[in-house]
Amino acid sequence: MSHKLSIDEYDALEQLSKLPRAAKPNACISRNAKRLTGIKLMAHRKDGGLELTDTGRQTLFIKQCIDGLRAIANDPETVLPGPVATFLGKKGHVEAVPDTDKLVISQRGRECLADIDATIASTKTR
């Protein structure tokens, strides 16, 4: 994720990922399509429609993992989507509590969030 994306651009990626193939893109997707196709997160299909590229899917998944990690850090009762929970568990960022099967953030996950926050803070001051 070398490009800084706005909340609206992430929202457009999310909406496009859920859009049926034959459906017409909504205003949010259309408004952000030029930039997102320019940085290769979306692409135009031969039939004129838009689709996520592999890089777009990866970017969206990374954002979902970071958001999921923040959610677990703030509220251990949060239920994460299956692929996100599996990925974070395999990477050692979250751990399942044996008695309840709830997820809790691990030390590694806290360090990862602190690193992300520090990176965001340093880019804002530039």
C-alpha atoms as a PDB file:
ATOM      1  CA  MET A   1       0.000   0.000   0.000  1.00  0.00           C
ATOM      2  CA  SER A   2       2.371   2.694  -1.175  1.00  0.00           C
ATOM      3  CA  HIS A   3      -0.478   5.065  -2.067  1.00  0.00           C
ATOM      4  CA  LYS A   4      -2.391   7.039   0.535  1.00  0.00           C
ATOM      5  CA  LEU A   5      -6.075   6.413   0.028  1.00  0.00           C
ATOM      6  CA  SER A   6      -8.933   8.463   1.407  1.00  0.00           C
ATOM      7  CA  ILE A   7     -11.823   6.975   3.330  1.00  0.00           C
ATOM      8  CA  ASP A   8     -13.978   7.551   0.245  1.00  0.00           C
ATOM      9  CA  GLU A   9     -11.536   5.618  -1.955  1.00  0.00           C
ATOM     10  CA  TYR A  10     -11.468   2.682   0.461  1.00  0.00           C
ATOM     11  CA  ASP A  11     -15.257   2.808   0.515  1.00  0.00           C
ATOM     12  CA  ALA A  12     -15.326   2.683  -3.294  1.00  0.00           C
ATOM     13  CA  LEU A  13     -13.069  -0.409  -3.269  1.00  0.00           C
ATOM     14  CA  GLU A  14     -15.302  -2.067  -0.676  1.00  0.00           C
ATOM     15  CA  GLN A  15     -18.463  -1.301  -2.633  1.00  0.00           C
ATOM     16  CA  LEU A  16     -16.928  -2.527  -5.895  1.00  0.00           C
ATOM     17  CA  SER A  17     -15.912  -5.798  -4.227  1.00  0.00           C
ATOM     18  CA  LYS A  18     -19.578  -6.421  -3.333  1.00  0.00           C
ATOM     19  CA  LEU A  19     -21.074  -5.179  -6.611  1.00  0.00           C
ATOM     20  CA  PRO A  20     -22.577  -7.854  -8.879  1.00  0.00           C
ATOM     21  CA  ARG A  21     -20.738  -8.160 -12.191  1.00  0.00           C
ATOM     22  CA  ALA A  22     -23.533  -6.798 -14.387  1.00  0.00           C
ATOM     23  CA  ALA A  23     -24.561  -3.985 -12.026  1.00  0.00           C
ATOM     24  CA  LYS A  24     -23.839  -0.355 -12.774  1.00  0.00           C
ATOM     25  CA  PRO A  25     -21.352   1.306 -10.379  1.00  0.00           C
ATOM     26  CA  ASN A  26     -22.791   3.810  -7.938  1.00  0.00           C
ATOM     27  CA  ALA A  27     -21.661   7.438  -7.539  1.00  0.00           C
ATOM     28  CA  CYS A  28     -18.944   6.644  -4.999  1.00  0.00           C
ATOM     29  CA  ILE A  29     -17.296   4.088  -7.266  1.00  0.00           C
ATOM     30  CA  SER A  30     -17.617   6.319 -10.337  1.00  0.00           C
ATOM     31  CA  ARG A  31     -16.246   9.360  -8.502  1.00  0.00           C
ATOM     32  CA  ASN A  32     -13.089   7.471  -7.468  1.00  0.00           C
ATOM     33  CA  ALA A  33     -12.643   5.266 -10.534  1.00  0.00           C
ATOM     34  CA  LYS A  34     -10.170   7.508 -12.377  1.00  0.00           C
ATOM     35  CA  ARG A  35      -7.605   7.632  -9.567  1.00  0.00           C
ATOM     36  CA  LEU A  36      -8.090   4.022  -8.490  1.00  0.00           C
ATOM     37  CA  THR A  37      -7.649   2.742 -12.047  1.00  0.00           C
ATOM     38  CA  GLY A  38      -4.618   5.018 -12.408  1.00  0.00           C
ATOM     39  CA  ILE A  39      -2.912   3.416  -9.425  1.00  0.00           C
ATOM     40  CA  LYS A  40      -4.046  -0.014 -10.636  1.00  0.00           C
ATOM     41  CA  LEU A  41      -6.437  -0.922  -7.823  1.00  0.00           C
ATOM     42  CA  MET A  42      -9.380  -1.068 -10.245  1.00  0.00           C
ATOM     43  CA  ALA A  43      -9.461  -1.952 -13.921  1.00  0.00           C
ATOM     44  CA  HIS A  44     -11.925  -1.592 -16.762  1.00  0.00           C
ATOM     45  CA  ARG A  45     -13.238  -4.875 -18.132  1.00  0.00           C
ATOM     46  CA  LYS A  46     -13.704  -5.406 -21.864  1.00  0.00           C
ATOM     47  CA  ASP A  47     -17.446  -4.959 -21.427  1.00  0.00           C
ATOM     48  CA  GLY A  48     -16.861  -1.489 -19.932  1.00  0.00           C
ATOM     49  CA  GLY A  49     -17.509  -2.420 -16.312  1.00  0.00           C
ATOM     50  CA  LEU A  50     -15.103  -2.028 -13.432  1.00  0.00           C
ATOM     51  CA  GLU A  51     -13.449  -4.748 -11.378  1.00  0.00           C
ATOM     52  CA  LEU A  52     -10.923  -4.934  -8.574  1.00  0.00           C
ATOM     53  CA  THR A  53      -7.412  -5.915  -9.536  1.00  0.00           C
ATOM     54  CA  ASP A  54      -5.403  -8.373  -7.452  1.00  0.00           C
ATOM     55  CA  THR A  55      -3.599  -5.396  -5.928  1.00  0.00           C
ATOM     56  CA  GLY A  56      -6.959  -3.812  -5.114  1.00  0.00           C
ATOM     57  CA  ARG A  57      -8.152  -6.995  -3.400  1.00  0.00           C
ATOM     58  CA  GLN A  58      -4.901  -7.191  -1.448  1.00  0.00           C
ATOM     59  CA  THR A  59      -5.144  -3.534  -0.391  1.00  0.00           C
ATOM     60  CA  LEU A  60      -8.720  -4.014   0.747  1.00  0.00           C
ATOM     61  CA  PHE A  61      -7.803  -7.176   2.687  1.00  0.00           C
ATOM     62  CA  ILE A  62      -4.917  -5.415   4.443  1.00  0.00           C
ATOM     63  CA  LYS A  63      -7.247  -2.610   5.485  1.00  0.00           C
ATOM     64  CA  GLN A  64      -9.780  -5.155   6.766  1.00  0.00           C
ATOM     65  CA  CYS A  65      -7.030  -6.861   8.792  1.00  0.00           C
ATOM     66  CA  ILE A  66      -5.852  -3.567  10.324  1.00  0.00           C
ATOM     67  CA  ASP A  67      -9.438  -2.561  11.109  1.00  0.00           C
ATOM     68  CA  GLY A  68     -10.061  -6.011  12.600  1.00  0.00           C
ATOM     69  CA  LEU A  69      -6.941  -5.790  14.733  1.00  0.00           C
ATOM     70  CA  ARG A  70      -8.032  -2.378  16.032  1.00  0.00           C
ATOM     71  CA  ALA A  71     -11.527  -3.726  16.727  1.00  0.00           C
ATOM     72  CA  ILE A  72     -10.181  -6.668  18.760  1.00  0.00           C
ATOM     73  CA  ALA A  73      -7.847  -4.325  20.660  1.00  0.00           C
ATOM     74  CA  ASN A  74     -10.798  -2.107  21.608  1.00  0.00           C
ATOM     75  CA  ASP A  75     -13.390  -4.834  22.220  1.00  0.00           C
ATOM     76  CA  PRO A  76     -12.517  -8.542  22.575  1.00  0.00           C
ATOM     77  CA  GLU A  77     -16.193  -9.384  21.961  1.00  0.00           C
ATOM     78  CA  THR A  78     -15.810  -8.340  18.313  1.00  0.00           C
ATOM     79  CA  VAL A  79     -16.353 -11.113  15.792  1.00  0.00           C
ATOM     80  CA  LEU A  80     -14.036 -10.914  12.788  1.00  0.00           C
ATOM     81  CA  PRO A  81     -14.760 -12.260   9.302  1.00  0.00           C
ATOM     82  CA  GLY A  82     -13.312 -15.746   8.790  1.00  0.00           C
ATOM     83  CA  PRO A  83     -10.415 -14.933   6.424  1.00  0.00           C
ATOM     84  CA  VAL A  84      -9.350 -11.932   8.540  1.00  0.00           C
ATOM     85  CA  ALA A  85      -9.428 -13.929  11.787  1.00  0.00           C
ATOM     86  CA  THR A  86      -7.519 -16.794  10.174  1.00  0.00           C
ATOM     87  CA  PHE A  87      -4.836 -14.492   8.756  1.00  0.00           C
ATOM     88  CA  LEU A  88      -4.360 -12.569  12.007  1.00  0.00           C
ATOM     89  CA  GLY A  89      -4.222 -15.846  13.945  1.00  0.00           C
ATOM     90  CA  LYS A  90      -1.628 -17.382  11.622  1.00  0.00           C
ATOM     91  CA  LYS A  91       0.527 -14.267  11.861  1.00  0.00           C
ATOM     92  CA  GLY A  92       0.313 -14.316  15.655  1.00  0.00           C
ATOM     93  CA  HIS A  93      -1.445 -10.961  15.995  1.00  0.00           C
ATOM     94  CA  VAL A  94      -4.469 -12.430  17.785  1.00  0.00           C
ATOM     95  CA  GLU A  95      -4.891 -15.445  20.038  1.00  0.00           C
ATOM     96  CA  ALA A  96      -7.993 -17.453  20.851  1.00  0.00           C
ATOM     97  CA  VAL A  97      -8.925 -17.722  24.522  1.00  0.00           C
ATOM     98  CA  PRO A  98      -9.322 -21.495  25.089  1.00  0.00           C
ATOM     99  CA  ASP A  99     -12.378 -21.294  27.360  1.00  0.00           C
ATOM    100  CA  THR A 100     -14.483 -18.927  25.251  1.00  0.00           C
ATOM    101  CA  ASP A 101     -12.949 -19.053  21.751  1.00  0.00           C
ATOM    102  CA  LYS A 102     -12.923 -15.239  21.780  1.00  0.00           C
ATOM    103  CA  LEU A 103      -9.990 -13.504  20.155  1.00  0.00           C
ATOM    104  CA  VAL A 104      -7.612 -11.260  22.079  1.00  0.00           C
ATOM    105  CA  ILE A 105      -4.809  -9.172  20.673  1.00  0.00           C
ATOM    106  CA  SER A 106      -1.342 -10.565  21.321  1.00  0.00           C
ATOM    107  CA  GLN A 107       1.802  -8.626  22.201  1.00  0.00           C
ATOM    108  CA  ARG A 108       2.865  -8.921  18.581  1.00  0.00           C
ATOM    109  CA  GLY A 109      -0.472  -7.455  17.484  1.00  0.00           C
ATOM    110  CA  ARG A 110      -0.073  -4.520  19.876  1.00  0.00           C
ATOM    111  CA  GLU A 111       3.411  -3.865  18.537  1.00  0.00           C
ATOM    112  CA  CYS A 112       2.104  -4.011  14.988  1.00  0.00           C
ATOM    113  CA  LEU A 113      -0.655  -1.490  15.763  1.00  0.00           C
ATOM    114  CA  ALA A 114       1.847   0.805  17.507  1.00  0.00           C
ATOM    115  CA  ASP A 115       4.102   0.623  14.442  1.00  0.00           C
ATOM    116  CA  ILE A 116       1.184   1.422  12.106  1.00  0.00           C
ATOM    117  CA  ASP A 117       0.135   4.362  14.285  1.00  0.00           C
ATOM    118  CA  ALA A 118       3.717   5.670  14.399  1.00  0.00           C
ATOM    119  CA  THR A 119       3.985   5.436  10.610  1.00  0.00           C
ATOM    120  CA  ILE A 120       0.701   7.284  10.157  1.00  0.00           C
ATOM    121  CA  ALA A 121       1.755   9.978  12.629  1.00  0.00           C
ATOM    122  CA  SER A 122       5.104  10.477  10.885  1.00  0.00           C
ATOM    123  CA  THR A 123       3.495  10.848   7.461  1.00  0.00           C
ATOM    124  CA  LYS A 124       1.023  13.418   8.787  1.00  0.00           C
ATOM    125  CA  THR A 125       3.803  15.654  10.070  1.00  0.00           C
ATOM    126  CA  ARG A 126       5.589  15.803   6.722  1.00  0.00           C
END
